[in-house]
Amino acid sequence: MPAAEPPLTPPEAARWAARSGLPLAADRAEAVAATADHIHSVVSVLRELDFADTPPAAHRAAEETRVMEAARDAAV
C-alpha cells in the first residue's frame, strides 16, 4: 500500500486554485484544503475496491428497463 500523502495546506489549495484559473479568497483556503483532503481520502478507498465482477451502470439500467417492460406486458 502506498504511503499516504501529507494533507493539502491552505496556501497549497490557494495556489492550485489560482493555477486552475479559480482565484480563492484567503478566508476560504482552509475549508477548500480540508474538503480536497476529504475527497482524496474517499477516492483512495474507492481505488482499493475490486469491482471486477460488477457490471457497468448501463447494464443495470438496461436490465431494469427489461424488467419494467416485462411487468407492463404481463399486466396487459
N, C-alpha and C. Protein backbone atom coordinates (compact mmCIF):
# COMPACT_ATOMS: atom_id res chain seq x y z
N MET A 1 0.85 -1.17 0.00
CA MET A 1 0.00 0.00 0.00
C MET A 1 0.91 1.24 0.00
N PRO A 2 0.64 2.20 -0.89
CA PRO A 2 1.47 3.40 -0.94
C PRO A 2 1.28 4.25 0.30
N ALA A 3 2.31 5.00 0.63
CA ALA A 3 2.24 5.89 1.80
C ALA A 3 1.23 7.00 1.54
N ALA A 4 0.56 7.41 2.61
CA ALA A 4 -0.42 8.48 2.49
C ALA A 4 0.29 9.80 2.19
N GLU A 5 -0.34 10.58 1.37
CA GLU A 5 0.22 11.90 1.06
C GLU A 5 -0.05 12.85 2.22
N PRO A 6 0.83 13.81 2.44
CA PRO A 6 0.56 14.78 3.51
C PRO A 6 -0.67 15.61 3.15
N PRO A 7 -1.37 16.11 4.17
CA PRO A 7 -2.57 16.90 3.87
C PRO A 7 -2.24 18.15 3.06
N LEU A 8 -3.21 18.56 2.28
CA LEU A 8 -3.07 19.78 1.49
C LEU A 8 -3.17 20.98 2.43
N THR A 9 -2.22 21.87 2.35
CA THR A 9 -2.24 23.06 3.20
C THR A 9 -3.09 24.15 2.54
N PRO A 10 -3.63 25.07 3.34
CA PRO A 10 -4.40 26.17 2.74
C PRO A 10 -3.62 26.96 1.69
N PRO A 11 -2.32 27.29 1.91
CA PRO A 11 -1.61 28.00 0.84
C PRO A 11 -1.48 27.17 -0.44
N GLU A 12 -1.30 25.85 -0.29
CA GLU A 12 -1.24 24.99 -1.49
C GLU A 12 -2.58 24.97 -2.21
N ALA A 13 -3.67 24.89 -1.44
CA ALA A 13 -5.01 24.90 -2.05
C ALA A 13 -5.22 26.19 -2.83
N ALA A 14 -4.82 27.31 -2.25
CA ALA A 14 -4.96 28.60 -2.94
C ALA A 14 -4.11 28.64 -4.20
N ARG A 15 -2.89 28.09 -4.11
CA ARG A 15 -2.00 28.08 -5.28
C ARG A 15 -2.58 27.21 -6.40
N TRP A 16 -3.09 26.01 -6.05
CA TRP A 16 -3.67 25.12 -7.07
C TRP A 16 -4.93 25.74 -7.68
N ALA A 17 -5.74 26.39 -6.85
CA ALA A 17 -6.94 27.04 -7.37
C ALA A 17 -6.57 28.14 -8.34
N ALA A 18 -5.61 28.97 -7.97
CA ALA A 18 -5.18 30.06 -8.85
C ALA A 18 -4.60 29.51 -10.15
N ARG A 19 -3.85 28.43 -10.03
CA ARG A 19 -3.25 27.80 -11.22
C ARG A 19 -4.32 27.27 -12.17
N SER A 20 -5.47 26.92 -11.60
CA SER A 20 -6.59 26.41 -12.41
C SER A 20 -7.49 27.53 -12.91
N GLY A 21 -7.13 28.76 -12.59
CA GLY A 21 -7.94 29.89 -13.04
C GLY A 21 -9.10 30.20 -12.10
N LEU A 22 -9.04 29.68 -10.88
CA LEU A 22 -10.09 29.91 -9.90
C LEU A 22 -9.51 30.58 -8.66
N PRO A 23 -9.32 31.89 -8.70
CA PRO A 23 -8.74 32.56 -7.54
C PRO A 23 -9.57 32.28 -6.29
N LEU A 24 -8.89 32.01 -5.20
CA LEU A 24 -9.53 31.60 -3.96
C LEU A 24 -9.32 32.67 -2.90
N ALA A 25 -10.40 33.14 -2.30
CA ALA A 25 -10.28 34.12 -1.22
C ALA A 25 -9.53 33.49 -0.06
N ALA A 26 -8.72 34.27 0.60
CA ALA A 26 -7.87 33.78 1.70
C ALA A 26 -8.69 33.11 2.79
N ASP A 27 -9.88 33.63 3.08
CA ASP A 27 -10.69 33.06 4.15
C ASP A 27 -11.34 31.72 3.75
N ARG A 28 -11.24 31.33 2.49
CA ARG A 28 -11.82 30.06 2.02
C ARG A 28 -10.77 28.96 1.85
N ALA A 29 -9.50 29.31 1.88
CA ALA A 29 -8.43 28.35 1.60
C ALA A 29 -8.43 27.18 2.57
N GLU A 30 -8.66 27.43 3.84
CA GLU A 30 -8.65 26.34 4.83
C GLU A 30 -9.78 25.35 4.56
N ALA A 31 -10.98 25.85 4.30
CA ALA A 31 -12.12 24.97 4.04
C ALA A 31 -11.92 24.18 2.74
N VAL A 32 -11.37 24.83 1.73
CA VAL A 32 -11.13 24.15 0.46
C VAL A 32 -10.07 23.06 0.63
N ALA A 33 -9.03 23.34 1.39
CA ALA A 33 -7.99 22.34 1.63
C ALA A 33 -8.56 21.14 2.37
N ALA A 34 -9.38 21.38 3.39
CA ALA A 34 -10.00 20.28 4.15
C ALA A 34 -10.93 19.46 3.27
N THR A 35 -11.70 20.12 2.43
CA THR A 35 -12.61 19.42 1.53
C THR A 35 -11.84 18.58 0.52
N ALA A 36 -10.79 19.14 -0.04
CA ALA A 36 -9.96 18.41 -1.01
C ALA A 36 -9.33 17.19 -0.36
N ASP A 37 -8.86 17.33 0.88
CA ASP A 37 -8.28 16.19 1.60
C ASP A 37 -9.32 15.10 1.82
N HIS A 38 -10.53 15.50 2.17
CA HIS A 38 -11.59 14.51 2.39
C HIS A 38 -11.92 13.77 1.09
N ILE A 39 -12.07 14.50 0.01
CA ILE A 39 -12.35 13.87 -1.28
C ILE A 39 -11.22 12.92 -1.66
N HIS A 40 -10.00 13.34 -1.45
CA HIS A 40 -8.85 12.50 -1.76
C HIS A 40 -8.88 11.20 -0.95
N SER A 41 -9.25 11.29 0.33
CA SER A 41 -9.29 10.08 1.16
C SER A 41 -10.40 9.13 0.71
N VAL A 42 -11.54 9.66 0.30
CA VAL A 42 -12.63 8.81 -0.19
C VAL A 42 -12.23 8.14 -1.50
N VAL A 43 -11.65 8.88 -2.41
CA VAL A 43 -11.22 8.32 -3.69
C VAL A 43 -10.14 7.25 -3.47
N SER A 44 -9.26 7.48 -2.52
CA SER A 44 -8.21 6.50 -2.23
C SER A 44 -8.82 5.17 -1.79
N VAL A 45 -9.86 5.22 -0.97
CA VAL A 45 -10.54 4.00 -0.53
C VAL A 45 -11.21 3.33 -1.72
N LEU A 46 -11.87 4.10 -2.56
CA LEU A 46 -12.56 3.52 -3.73
C LEU A 46 -11.58 2.85 -4.68
N ARG A 47 -10.38 3.40 -4.80
CA ARG A 47 -9.38 2.80 -5.69
C ARG A 47 -8.94 1.43 -5.21
N GLU A 48 -9.08 1.16 -3.91
CA GLU A 48 -8.66 -0.12 -3.36
C GLU A 48 -9.72 -1.21 -3.54
N LEU A 49 -10.95 -0.83 -3.88
CA LEU A 49 -12.02 -1.81 -4.04
C LEU A 49 -11.88 -2.57 -5.35
N ASP A 50 -12.28 -3.83 -5.31
CA ASP A 50 -12.22 -4.68 -6.50
C ASP A 50 -13.62 -4.74 -7.12
N PHE A 51 -13.80 -4.12 -8.26
CA PHE A 51 -15.07 -4.10 -8.96
C PHE A 51 -15.07 -5.05 -10.16
N ALA A 52 -14.21 -6.03 -10.15
CA ALA A 52 -14.01 -6.90 -11.31
C ALA A 52 -15.30 -7.56 -11.79
N ASP A 53 -16.15 -8.01 -10.88
CA ASP A 53 -17.37 -8.71 -11.27
C ASP A 53 -18.60 -7.82 -11.31
N THR A 54 -18.42 -6.53 -11.14
CA THR A 54 -19.54 -5.60 -11.13
C THR A 54 -19.78 -5.08 -12.54
N PRO A 55 -21.00 -5.33 -13.07
CA PRO A 55 -21.27 -4.82 -14.42
C PRO A 55 -21.38 -3.30 -14.41
N PRO A 56 -21.15 -2.67 -15.55
CA PRO A 56 -21.27 -1.21 -15.64
C PRO A 56 -22.70 -0.77 -15.36
N ALA A 57 -22.88 0.48 -14.98
CA ALA A 57 -24.20 1.02 -14.65
C ALA A 57 -25.15 0.90 -15.84
N ALA A 58 -24.66 1.04 -17.05
CA ALA A 58 -25.53 0.93 -18.23
C ALA A 58 -26.17 -0.45 -18.30
N HIS A 59 -25.46 -1.47 -17.87
CA HIS A 59 -26.00 -2.83 -17.86
C HIS A 59 -27.19 -2.90 -16.89
N ARG A 60 -27.04 -2.31 -15.72
CA ARG A 60 -28.12 -2.34 -14.72
C ARG A 60 -29.33 -1.57 -15.24
N ALA A 61 -29.12 -0.43 -15.85
CA ALA A 61 -30.23 0.36 -16.37
C ALA A 61 -30.98 -0.42 -17.44
N ALA A 62 -30.25 -1.11 -18.31
CA ALA A 62 -30.90 -1.91 -19.35
C ALA A 62 -31.69 -3.05 -18.73
N GLU A 63 -31.15 -3.68 -17.71
CA GLU A 63 -31.84 -4.78 -17.04
C GLU A 63 -33.11 -4.27 -16.36
N GLU A 64 -33.05 -3.13 -15.72
CA GLU A 64 -34.24 -2.55 -15.08
C GLU A 64 -35.30 -2.23 -16.12
N THR A 65 -34.91 -1.74 -17.27
CA THR A 65 -35.86 -1.44 -18.35
C THR A 65 -36.54 -2.72 -18.81
N ARG A 66 -35.76 -3.80 -18.99
CA ARG A 66 -36.35 -5.08 -19.40
C ARG A 66 -37.35 -5.60 -18.37
N VAL A 67 -37.04 -5.48 -17.10
CA VAL A 67 -37.93 -5.94 -16.03
C VAL A 67 -39.21 -5.13 -16.04
N MET A 68 -39.08 -3.82 -16.17
CA MET A 68 -40.27 -2.95 -16.17
C MET A 68 -41.15 -3.24 -17.40
N GLU A 69 -40.54 -3.45 -18.55
CA GLU A 69 -41.31 -3.77 -19.76
C GLU A 69 -42.00 -5.12 -19.63
N ALA A 70 -41.32 -6.08 -19.03
CA ALA A 70 -41.93 -7.40 -18.83
C ALA A 70 -43.11 -7.29 -17.87
N ALA A 71 -42.99 -6.50 -16.83
CA ALA A 71 -44.09 -6.32 -15.88
C ALA A 71 -45.26 -5.61 -16.54
N ARG A 72 -44.97 -4.63 -17.38
CA ARG A 72 -46.03 -3.90 -18.09
C ARG A 72 -46.75 -4.84 -19.05
N ASP A 73 -45.98 -5.65 -19.79
CA ASP A 73 -46.58 -6.58 -20.75
C ASP A 73 -47.42 -7.63 -20.04
N ALA A 74 -47.00 -8.07 -18.86
CA ALA A 74 -47.74 -9.07 -18.10
C ALA A 74 -49.06 -8.50 -17.58
N ALA A 75 -49.09 -7.20 -17.32
CA ALA A 75 -50.30 -6.56 -16.79
C ALA A 75 -51.34 -6.32 -17.87
N VAL A 76 -50.93 -6.36 -19.11
CA VAL A 76 -51.86 -6.05 -20.21
C VAL A 76 -52.69 -7.23 -20.58
